[in-house]
């Protein structure tokens, strides 16, 4: 395995530097996209939990009404 010399890195060619900039921008875009997706998933989970809670409450109300009749 080739050992890299971290103390004396070589200078980047212009094309390598441009690619580095492009890749860093792409990473930032993907991070932002992932954050949006995570928020969307959390909102869907909250909505589903609220829907299930409302359904459970409705079911218990209906059950209580049947018991009192």
C-alpha atoms as a PDB file:
ATOM      1  CA  UNK A   1       0.000   0.000   0.000  1.00  0.00           C
ATOM      2  CA  UNK A   2       1.318   3.421  -0.956  1.00  0.00           C
ATOM      3  CA  UNK A   3       1.845   5.832   1.921  1.00  0.00           C
ATOM      4  CA  UNK A   4       0.713   9.387   1.277  1.00  0.00           C
ATOM      5  CA  UNK A   5       2.743  12.302   2.503  1.00  0.00           C
ATOM      6  CA  UNK A   6       0.217  14.473   4.362  1.00  0.00           C
ATOM      7  CA  UNK A   7       2.871  16.981   5.381  1.00  0.00           C
ATOM      8  CA  UNK A   8       3.600  18.012   1.811  1.00  0.00           C
ATOM      9  CA  UNK A   9       0.467  17.615  -0.338  1.00  0.00           C
ATOM     10  CA  UNK A  10       0.882  18.245  -4.030  1.00  0.00           C
ATOM     11  CA  UNK A  11      -0.876  21.181  -5.649  1.00  0.00           C
ATOM     12  CA  UNK A  12      -4.103  20.404  -7.445  1.00  0.00           C
ATOM     13  CA  UNK A  13      -4.436  20.791 -11.159  1.00  0.00           C
ATOM     14  CA  UNK A  14      -7.084  23.294 -12.220  1.00  0.00           C
ATOM     15  CA  UNK A  15      -9.428  20.502 -13.380  1.00  0.00           C
ATOM     16  CA  UNK A  16      -8.983  18.701 -10.032  1.00  0.00           C
ATOM     17  CA  UNK A  17      -9.697  21.910  -8.143  1.00  0.00           C
ATOM     18  CA  UNK A  18     -12.840  22.523 -10.212  1.00  0.00           C
ATOM     19  CA  UNK A  19     -13.979  18.958  -9.574  1.00  0.00           C
ATOM     20  CA  UNK A  20     -13.339  19.387  -5.843  1.00  0.00           C
ATOM     21  CA  UNK A  21     -15.484  22.530  -5.818  1.00  0.00           C
ATOM     22  CA  UNK A  22     -18.222  20.756  -7.801  1.00  0.00           C
ATOM     23  CA  UNK A  23     -18.184  17.741  -5.494  1.00  0.00           C
ATOM     24  CA  UNK A  24     -18.343  19.893  -2.363  1.00  0.00           C
ATOM     25  CA  UNK A  25     -21.331  21.750  -3.800  1.00  0.00           C
ATOM     26  CA  UNK A  26     -22.989  18.429  -4.658  1.00  0.00           C
ATOM     27  CA  UNK A  27     -22.413  17.164  -1.097  1.00  0.00           C
ATOM     28  CA  UNK A  28     -24.038  20.295   0.334  1.00  0.00           C
ATOM     29  CA  UNK A  29     -27.006  19.890  -2.034  1.00  0.00           C
ATOM     30  CA  UNK A  30     -27.455  16.237  -1.029  1.00  0.00           C
ATOM     31  CA  UNK A  31     -27.223  17.120   2.676  1.00  0.00           C
ATOM     32  CA  UNK A  32     -29.945  19.748   2.223  1.00  0.00           C
ATOM     33  CA  UNK A  33     -32.062  17.306   0.229  1.00  0.00           C
ATOM     34  CA  UNK A  34     -31.698  14.675   2.970  1.00  0.00           C
ATOM     35  CA  UNK A  35     -32.731  17.206   5.613  1.00  0.00           C
ATOM     36  CA  UNK A  36     -35.892  18.011   3.650  1.00  0.00           C
ATOM     37  CA  UNK A  37     -36.693  14.309   3.238  1.00  0.00           C
ATOM     38  CA  UNK A  38     -36.197  13.673   6.967  1.00  0.00           C
ATOM     39  CA  UNK A  39     -38.551  16.566   7.802  1.00  0.00           C
ATOM     40  CA  UNK A  40     -41.138  15.220   5.377  1.00  0.00           C
ATOM     41  CA  UNK A  41     -40.924  11.760   6.944  1.00  0.00           C
ATOM     42  CA  UNK A  42     -41.294  13.244  10.441  1.00  0.00           C
ATOM     43  CA  UNK A  43     -44.366  15.240   9.350  1.00  0.00           C
ATOM     44  CA  UNK A  44     -45.953  12.135   7.806  1.00  0.00           C
ATOM     45  CA  UNK A  45     -45.297  10.177  10.997  1.00  0.00           C
ATOM     46  CA  UNK A  46     -46.851  12.962  13.095  1.00  0.00           C
ATOM     47  CA  UNK A  47     -49.929  13.067  10.856  1.00  0.00           C
ATOM     48  CA  UNK A  48     -50.300   9.285  10.992  1.00  0.00           C
ATOM     49  CA  UNK A  49     -49.960   9.267  14.787  1.00  0.00           C
ATOM     50  CA  UNK A  50     -52.581  12.012  15.071  1.00  0.00           C
ATOM     51  CA  UNK A  51     -54.887  10.113  12.708  1.00  0.00           C
ATOM     52  CA  UNK A  52     -54.527   6.909  14.712  1.00  0.00           C
ATOM     53  CA  UNK A  53     -55.098   8.774  17.990  1.00  0.00           C
ATOM     54  CA  UNK A  54     -58.263  10.394  16.613  1.00  0.00           C
ATOM     55  CA  UNK A  55     -59.469   7.035  15.311  1.00  0.00           C
ATOM     56  CA  UNK A  56     -58.828   5.418  18.715  1.00  0.00           C
ATOM     57  CA  UNK A  57     -60.666   8.227  20.517  1.00  0.00           C
ATOM     58  CA  UNK A  58     -63.591   7.934  18.117  1.00  0.00           C
ATOM     59  CA  UNK A  59     -63.671   4.171  18.644  1.00  0.00           C
ATOM     60  CA  UNK A  60     -63.702   4.540  22.429  1.00  0.00           C
ATOM     61  CA  UNK A  61     -66.506   7.146  22.213  1.00  0.00           C
ATOM     62  CA  UNK A  62     -68.561   4.781  20.087  1.00  0.00           C
ATOM     63  CA  UNK A  63     -67.831   1.932  22.504  1.00  0.00           C
ATOM     64  CA  UNK A  64     -68.882   4.081  25.468  1.00  0.00           C
ATOM     65  CA  UNK A  65     -72.138   5.050  23.725  1.00  0.00           C
ATOM     66  CA  UNK A  66     -72.949   1.376  23.083  1.00  0.00           C
ATOM     67  CA  UNK A  67     -72.338   0.540  26.746  1.00  0.00           C
ATOM     68  CA  UNK A  68     -74.696   3.259  27.986  1.00  0.00           C
ATOM     69  CA  UNK A  69     -77.561   2.265  25.660  1.00  0.00           C
END
